[in-house]
Structures are given as C-alpha cells and as structure tokens.
C-alpha cells in the first residue's frame, strides 16, 4: 500500500499507510503526507480536500483494493 500513489489526490508515492481501523492491517489506504496529517487536507485534521473530491475512507479503500487486485 505504501508504494501506491495517494488515494485522495493522486500524489506520487511512496505514501503513508493510513489504518481505517487501528490494528486492522488489511484496512489501510495510501495517503500522501498532506492528505494524511496536513493541517487543512489531512484525514486527522480538517479534511478539506476529502470533502471537495467527495472521498471517504471506504471509497478510497475500494479504489485501493481495485488497484491491488484489479
């Protein structure tokens, strides 16, 4: 997952592996630094880009699974 591009903004990887549920290793999505922990766009902050692009953790997980196992 870390080798993939960001699942939200498509920034070139490597990415962070964001855990949708803690300790659930198969529920991870690739996020760039900004979409993961950025003050405005980060999932752990204001999630602005997530709202603009109408993305959720589950929609990004679905896209990630499609990329990995397509």
N, C-alpha and C. Protein backbone atom coordinates (compact mmCIF):
# COMPACT_ATOMS: atom_id res chain seq x y z
N UNK A 1 0.83 -1.19 0.00
CA UNK A 1 0.00 0.00 0.00
C UNK A 1 0.87 1.26 0.00
N UNK A 2 1.96 1.22 0.75
CA UNK A 2 2.84 2.38 0.82
C UNK A 2 3.47 2.72 -0.53
N UNK A 3 3.59 1.77 -1.42
CA UNK A 3 4.18 2.00 -2.73
C UNK A 3 3.22 2.71 -3.69
N UNK A 4 1.93 2.72 -3.36
CA UNK A 4 0.92 3.33 -4.24
C UNK A 4 0.91 4.85 -4.13
N UNK A 5 0.34 5.48 -5.15
CA UNK A 5 0.10 6.93 -5.10
C UNK A 5 -1.02 7.21 -4.11
N UNK A 6 -1.11 8.46 -3.67
CA UNK A 6 -2.14 8.86 -2.71
C UNK A 6 -3.52 8.52 -3.26
N UNK A 7 -4.34 7.91 -2.42
CA UNK A 7 -5.69 7.52 -2.82
C UNK A 7 -6.66 8.68 -2.90
N UNK A 8 -6.27 9.85 -2.41
CA UNK A 8 -7.17 11.00 -2.45
C UNK A 8 -6.77 11.96 -3.58
N UNK A 9 -5.52 12.43 -3.56
CA UNK A 9 -5.11 13.47 -4.52
C UNK A 9 -4.19 12.95 -5.63
N UNK A 10 -3.86 11.65 -5.61
CA UNK A 10 -3.00 11.02 -6.61
C UNK A 10 -1.56 11.50 -6.59
N UNK A 11 -1.10 12.11 -5.49
CA UNK A 11 0.30 12.49 -5.38
C UNK A 11 1.16 11.23 -5.50
N UNK A 12 2.27 11.34 -6.17
CA UNK A 12 3.15 10.20 -6.41
C UNK A 12 3.65 9.61 -5.10
N UNK A 13 3.59 8.26 -5.01
CA UNK A 13 4.08 7.56 -3.81
C UNK A 13 5.59 7.65 -3.71
N UNK A 14 6.15 7.16 -2.63
CA UNK A 14 5.51 6.35 -1.61
C UNK A 14 4.57 7.16 -0.73
N UNK A 15 3.64 6.46 -0.15
CA UNK A 15 2.60 7.07 0.68
C UNK A 15 2.66 6.54 2.10
N UNK A 16 1.90 7.17 2.98
CA UNK A 16 1.68 6.63 4.33
C UNK A 16 0.61 5.56 4.19
N UNK A 17 0.62 4.56 5.06
CA UNK A 17 -0.45 3.56 5.11
C UNK A 17 -1.37 3.95 6.27
N UNK A 18 -2.47 4.58 5.94
CA UNK A 18 -3.44 5.03 6.95
C UNK A 18 -4.34 3.87 7.32
N UNK A 19 -4.42 3.58 8.60
CA UNK A 19 -5.28 2.50 9.10
C UNK A 19 -6.69 3.05 9.33
N UNK A 20 -7.65 2.50 8.63
CA UNK A 20 -9.03 2.92 8.82
C UNK A 20 -9.49 2.53 10.21
N UNK A 21 -9.12 1.31 10.64
CA UNK A 21 -9.37 0.85 11.99
C UNK A 21 -8.03 0.41 12.57
N UNK A 22 -7.69 0.93 13.72
CA UNK A 22 -6.42 0.60 14.34
C UNK A 22 -6.23 -0.90 14.48
N UNK A 23 -5.03 -1.36 14.20
CA UNK A 23 -4.62 -2.76 14.33
C UNK A 23 -5.29 -3.68 13.32
N UNK A 24 -5.93 -3.13 12.30
CA UNK A 24 -6.53 -3.92 11.23
C UNK A 24 -5.66 -3.71 9.99
N UNK A 25 -4.65 -4.56 9.83
CA UNK A 25 -3.64 -4.37 8.81
C UNK A 25 -4.18 -4.42 7.38
N UNK A 26 -5.31 -5.05 7.17
CA UNK A 26 -5.85 -5.16 5.82
C UNK A 26 -6.81 -4.01 5.50
N UNK A 27 -7.00 -3.12 6.44
CA UNK A 27 -7.85 -1.95 6.22
C UNK A 27 -6.99 -0.69 6.18
N UNK A 28 -6.04 -0.66 5.24
CA UNK A 28 -5.17 0.50 5.10
C UNK A 28 -5.32 1.10 3.71
N UNK A 29 -5.15 2.42 3.65
CA UNK A 29 -5.21 3.14 2.38
C UNK A 29 -3.97 4.01 2.24
N UNK A 30 -3.53 4.24 1.00
CA UNK A 30 -2.35 5.06 0.77
C UNK A 30 -2.71 6.55 0.79
N UNK A 31 -2.01 7.31 1.63
CA UNK A 31 -2.24 8.75 1.71
C UNK A 31 -0.91 9.48 1.69
N UNK A 32 -0.82 10.58 0.93
CA UNK A 32 0.36 11.42 0.98
C UNK A 32 0.39 12.12 2.34
N UNK A 33 1.48 12.76 2.63
CA UNK A 33 1.62 13.44 3.92
C UNK A 33 0.51 14.47 4.13
N UNK A 34 0.20 15.25 3.09
CA UNK A 34 -0.81 16.31 3.22
C UNK A 34 -2.21 15.73 3.45
N UNK A 35 -2.59 14.70 2.72
CA UNK A 35 -3.91 14.11 2.88
C UNK A 35 -4.03 13.27 4.15
N UNK A 36 -2.88 12.93 4.74
CA UNK A 36 -2.90 12.14 5.98
C UNK A 36 -2.88 13.04 7.21
N UNK A 37 -1.88 13.91 7.30
CA UNK A 37 -1.72 14.71 8.52
C UNK A 37 -1.62 16.22 8.28
N UNK A 38 -1.86 16.65 7.05
CA UNK A 38 -1.81 18.08 6.75
C UNK A 38 -2.86 18.86 7.52
N UNK A 39 -2.57 20.10 7.90
CA UNK A 39 -3.49 20.88 8.73
C UNK A 39 -4.83 21.18 8.08
N UNK A 40 -4.87 21.30 6.76
CA UNK A 40 -6.13 21.63 6.08
C UNK A 40 -6.75 20.42 5.39
N UNK A 41 -5.92 19.59 4.78
CA UNK A 41 -6.43 18.47 3.98
C UNK A 41 -6.39 17.12 4.68
N UNK A 42 -5.64 17.01 5.76
CA UNK A 42 -5.42 15.72 6.41
C UNK A 42 -6.66 15.10 7.01
N UNK A 43 -6.73 13.77 6.91
CA UNK A 43 -7.85 13.00 7.48
C UNK A 43 -7.93 13.21 8.99
N UNK A 44 -6.80 13.48 9.63
CA UNK A 44 -6.77 13.70 11.08
C UNK A 44 -6.97 15.17 11.43
N UNK A 45 -7.26 15.99 10.45
CA UNK A 45 -7.45 17.43 10.67
C UNK A 45 -8.78 17.89 10.06
N UNK A 46 -8.73 18.84 9.11
CA UNK A 46 -9.95 19.44 8.58
C UNK A 46 -10.56 18.73 7.37
N UNK A 47 -9.84 17.84 6.72
CA UNK A 47 -10.32 17.02 5.60
C UNK A 47 -10.90 17.83 4.44
N UNK A 48 -10.37 19.01 4.17
CA UNK A 48 -10.95 19.86 3.12
C UNK A 48 -10.93 19.19 1.75
N UNK A 49 -9.76 18.64 1.35
CA UNK A 49 -9.69 18.03 0.02
C UNK A 49 -10.59 16.80 -0.07
N UNK A 50 -10.75 16.10 1.02
CA UNK A 50 -11.64 14.93 1.05
C UNK A 50 -13.06 15.37 0.70
N UNK A 51 -13.50 16.50 1.27
CA UNK A 51 -14.85 16.99 1.00
C UNK A 51 -14.99 17.47 -0.44
N UNK A 52 -14.00 18.20 -0.92
CA UNK A 52 -14.05 18.72 -2.28
C UNK A 52 -14.12 17.59 -3.30
N UNK A 53 -13.32 16.55 -3.09
CA UNK A 53 -13.28 15.42 -4.03
C UNK A 53 -14.32 14.35 -3.71
N UNK A 54 -15.13 14.59 -2.66
CA UNK A 54 -16.18 13.66 -2.24
C UNK A 54 -15.64 12.25 -2.00
N UNK A 55 -14.55 12.19 -1.24
CA UNK A 55 -13.91 10.92 -0.91
C UNK A 55 -14.18 10.58 0.56
N UNK A 56 -14.25 9.29 0.84
CA UNK A 56 -14.34 8.79 2.21
C UNK A 56 -13.26 7.72 2.36
N UNK A 57 -13.03 7.31 3.58
CA UNK A 57 -12.06 6.24 3.80
C UNK A 57 -12.48 4.97 3.06
N UNK A 58 -13.76 4.68 3.07
CA UNK A 58 -14.24 3.46 2.39
C UNK A 58 -14.16 3.57 0.88
N UNK A 59 -14.42 4.75 0.31
CA UNK A 59 -14.30 4.88 -1.15
C UNK A 59 -12.85 4.75 -1.58
N UNK A 60 -11.93 5.30 -0.77
CA UNK A 60 -10.50 5.16 -1.09
C UNK A 60 -10.06 3.72 -0.90
N UNK A 61 -10.59 3.03 0.11
CA UNK A 61 -10.27 1.62 0.31
C UNK A 61 -10.73 0.80 -0.89
N UNK A 62 -11.91 1.07 -1.39
CA UNK A 62 -12.43 0.38 -2.56
C UNK A 62 -11.52 0.58 -3.76
N UNK A 63 -11.08 1.80 -4.00
CA UNK A 63 -10.17 2.10 -5.11
C UNK A 63 -8.82 1.42 -4.90
N UNK A 64 -8.34 1.37 -3.66
CA UNK A 64 -7.07 0.73 -3.34
C UNK A 64 -7.12 -0.77 -3.64
N UNK A 65 -8.21 -1.40 -3.22
CA UNK A 65 -8.37 -2.84 -3.49
C UNK A 65 -8.42 -3.08 -4.98
N UNK A 66 -9.11 -2.22 -5.72
CA UNK A 66 -9.20 -2.37 -7.18
C UNK A 66 -7.80 -2.24 -7.81
N UNK A 67 -6.98 -1.30 -7.32
CA UNK A 67 -5.62 -1.14 -7.85
C UNK A 67 -4.75 -2.35 -7.53
N UNK A 68 -4.88 -2.89 -6.34
CA UNK A 68 -4.04 -4.00 -5.92
C UNK A 68 -4.45 -5.33 -6.56
N UNK A 69 -5.73 -5.56 -6.71
CA UNK A 69 -6.20 -6.87 -7.13
C UNK A 69 -6.99 -6.86 -8.44
N UNK A 70 -7.24 -5.65 -8.97
CA UNK A 70 -7.97 -5.34 -10.15
C UNK A 70 -8.46 -6.27 -11.08
